Amino acid sequence: MFAMTAVKKAATYGYKKYGIPGAIVTGLGTLLGVRFIKGKFLSRSGGDGDDGMDVSGESDDGGSSTAD
């Protein structure tokens, strides 16, 4: 809800100051800014670097090898 309010207010300001092109530019700029802020600073991923990849070089098959 915050993003919609911020974009609407920015577009209104841009429209009053520069007309329709100003509304488009300020509205899109605000929308992209809010999306960036939410994506970078408010994400709850933790960022601990654990992406599920096994980098140890060892297999998890119990050591059974089929190469005879």
C-alpha atoms as a PDB file:
ATOM      1  CA  MET A   1       0.000   0.000   0.000  1.00  0.00           C
ATOM      2  CA  PHE A   2       2.851   2.361   0.752  1.00  0.00           C
ATOM      3  CA  ALA A   3       4.224   2.051  -2.770  1.00  0.00           C
ATOM      4  CA  MET A   4       0.896   2.948  -4.368  1.00  0.00           C
ATOM      5  CA  THR A   5       0.548   6.028  -2.173  1.00  0.00           C
ATOM      6  CA  ALA A   6       4.098   7.171  -2.840  1.00  0.00           C
ATOM      7  CA  VAL A   7       3.774   6.692  -6.615  1.00  0.00           C
ATOM      8  CA  LYS A   8       0.447   8.526  -6.707  1.00  0.00           C
ATOM      9  CA  LYS A   9       1.814  11.478  -4.737  1.00  0.00           C
ATOM     10  CA  ALA A  10       4.943  11.650  -6.891  1.00  0.00           C
ATOM     11  CA  ALA A  11       2.924  11.478 -10.094  1.00  0.00           C
ATOM     12  CA  THR A  12       0.622  14.226  -8.854  1.00  0.00           C
ATOM     13  CA  TYR A  13       3.606  16.406  -8.013  1.00  0.00           C
ATOM     14  CA  GLY A  14       5.187  15.728 -11.403  1.00  0.00           C
ATOM     15  CA  TYR A  15       1.932  16.486 -13.186  1.00  0.00           C
ATOM     16  CA  LYS A  16       1.487  19.802 -11.404  1.00  0.00           C
ATOM     17  CA  LYS A  17       5.052  20.856 -12.084  1.00  0.00           C
ATOM     18  CA  TYR A  18       5.763  19.458 -15.595  1.00  0.00           C
ATOM     19  CA  GLY A  19       2.504  18.102 -17.002  1.00  0.00           C
ATOM     20  CA  ILE A  20       1.911  14.584 -18.298  1.00  0.00           C
ATOM     21  CA  PRO A  21       5.590  13.784 -19.064  1.00  0.00           C
ATOM     22  CA  GLY A  22       6.517  14.845 -15.536  1.00  0.00           C
ATOM     23  CA  ALA A  23       3.836  12.612 -14.067  1.00  0.00           C
ATOM     24  CA  ILE A  24       5.103   9.627 -16.026  1.00  0.00           C
ATOM     25  CA  VAL A  25       8.757  10.195 -15.155  1.00  0.00           C
ATOM     26  CA  THR A  26       8.249  10.882 -11.458  1.00  0.00           C
ATOM     27  CA  GLY A  27       5.727   8.068 -11.072  1.00  0.00           C
ATOM     28  CA  LEU A  28       7.962   5.479 -12.722  1.00  0.00           C
ATOM     29  CA  GLY A  29      11.033   6.753 -10.927  1.00  0.00           C
ATOM     30  CA  THR A  30       9.317   6.464  -7.589  1.00  0.00           C
ATOM     31  CA  LEU A  31       7.990   3.006  -8.395  1.00  0.00           C
ATOM     32  CA  LEU A  32      11.430   1.751  -9.384  1.00  0.00           C
ATOM     33  CA  GLY A  33      12.976   3.339  -6.311  1.00  0.00           C
ATOM     34  CA  VAL A  34      10.485   1.717  -3.964  1.00  0.00           C
ATOM     35  CA  ARG A  35      10.990  -1.662  -5.660  1.00  0.00           C
ATOM     36  CA  PHE A  36      14.768  -1.290  -5.323  1.00  0.00           C
ATOM     37  CA  ILE A  37      14.545  -0.352  -1.650  1.00  0.00           C
ATOM     38  CA  LYS A  38      12.202  -3.230  -0.883  1.00  0.00           C
ATOM     39  CA  GLY A  39      14.334  -5.685  -2.824  1.00  0.00           C
ATOM     40  CA  LYS A  40      17.681  -4.698  -1.340  1.00  0.00           C
ATOM     41  CA  PHE A  41      17.006  -3.554   2.179  1.00  0.00           C
ATOM     42  CA  LEU A  42      13.775  -5.163   3.277  1.00  0.00           C
ATOM     43  CA  SER A  43      14.314  -8.693   1.939  1.00  0.00           C
ATOM     44  CA  ARG A  44      14.278 -11.412   4.546  1.00  0.00           C
ATOM     45  CA  SER A  45      16.594 -13.803   2.749  1.00  0.00           C
ATOM     46  CA  GLY A  46      19.317 -13.325   5.337  1.00  0.00           C
ATOM     47  CA  GLY A  47      22.117 -13.269   2.812  1.00  0.00           C
ATOM     48  CA  ASP A  48      24.178 -15.901   4.650  1.00  0.00           C
ATOM     49  CA  GLY A  49      25.584 -17.221   1.376  1.00  0.00           C
ATOM     50  CA  ASP A  50      23.995 -20.659   1.675  1.00  0.00           C
ATOM     51  CA  ASP A  51      22.531 -21.251  -1.740  1.00  0.00           C
ATOM     52  CA  GLY A  52      22.358 -25.033  -1.466  1.00  0.00           C
ATOM     53  CA  MET A  53      25.427 -25.810  -3.577  1.00  0.00           C
ATOM     54  CA  ASP A  54      27.886 -28.489  -2.473  1.00  0.00           C
ATOM     55  CA  VAL A  55      31.366 -27.061  -2.966  1.00  0.00           C
ATOM     56  CA  SER A  56      33.245 -29.661  -0.899  1.00  0.00           C
ATOM     57  CA  GLY A  57      33.881 -31.956  -3.881  1.00  0.00           C
ATOM     58  CA  GLU A  58      32.575 -34.999  -2.036  1.00  0.00           C
ATOM     59  CA  SER A  59      29.513 -36.909  -3.163  1.00  0.00           C
ATOM     60  CA  ASP A  60      26.639 -37.705  -0.868  1.00  0.00           C
ATOM     61  CA  ASP A  61      26.086 -41.247  -2.176  1.00  0.00           C
ATOM     62  CA  GLY A  62      27.765 -42.947   0.793  1.00  0.00           C
ATOM     63  CA  GLY A  63      31.073 -43.622  -0.926  1.00  0.00           C
ATOM     64  CA  SER A  64      29.825 -46.354  -3.225  1.00  0.00           C
ATOM     65  CA  SER A  65      31.688 -46.184  -6.471  1.00  0.00           C
ATOM     66  CA  THR A  66      30.669 -47.984  -9.639  1.00  0.00           C
ATOM     67  CA  ALA A  67      34.085 -47.663 -11.273  1.00  0.00           C
ATOM     68  CA  ASP A  68      35.589 -51.203 -11.150  1.00  0.00           C
END
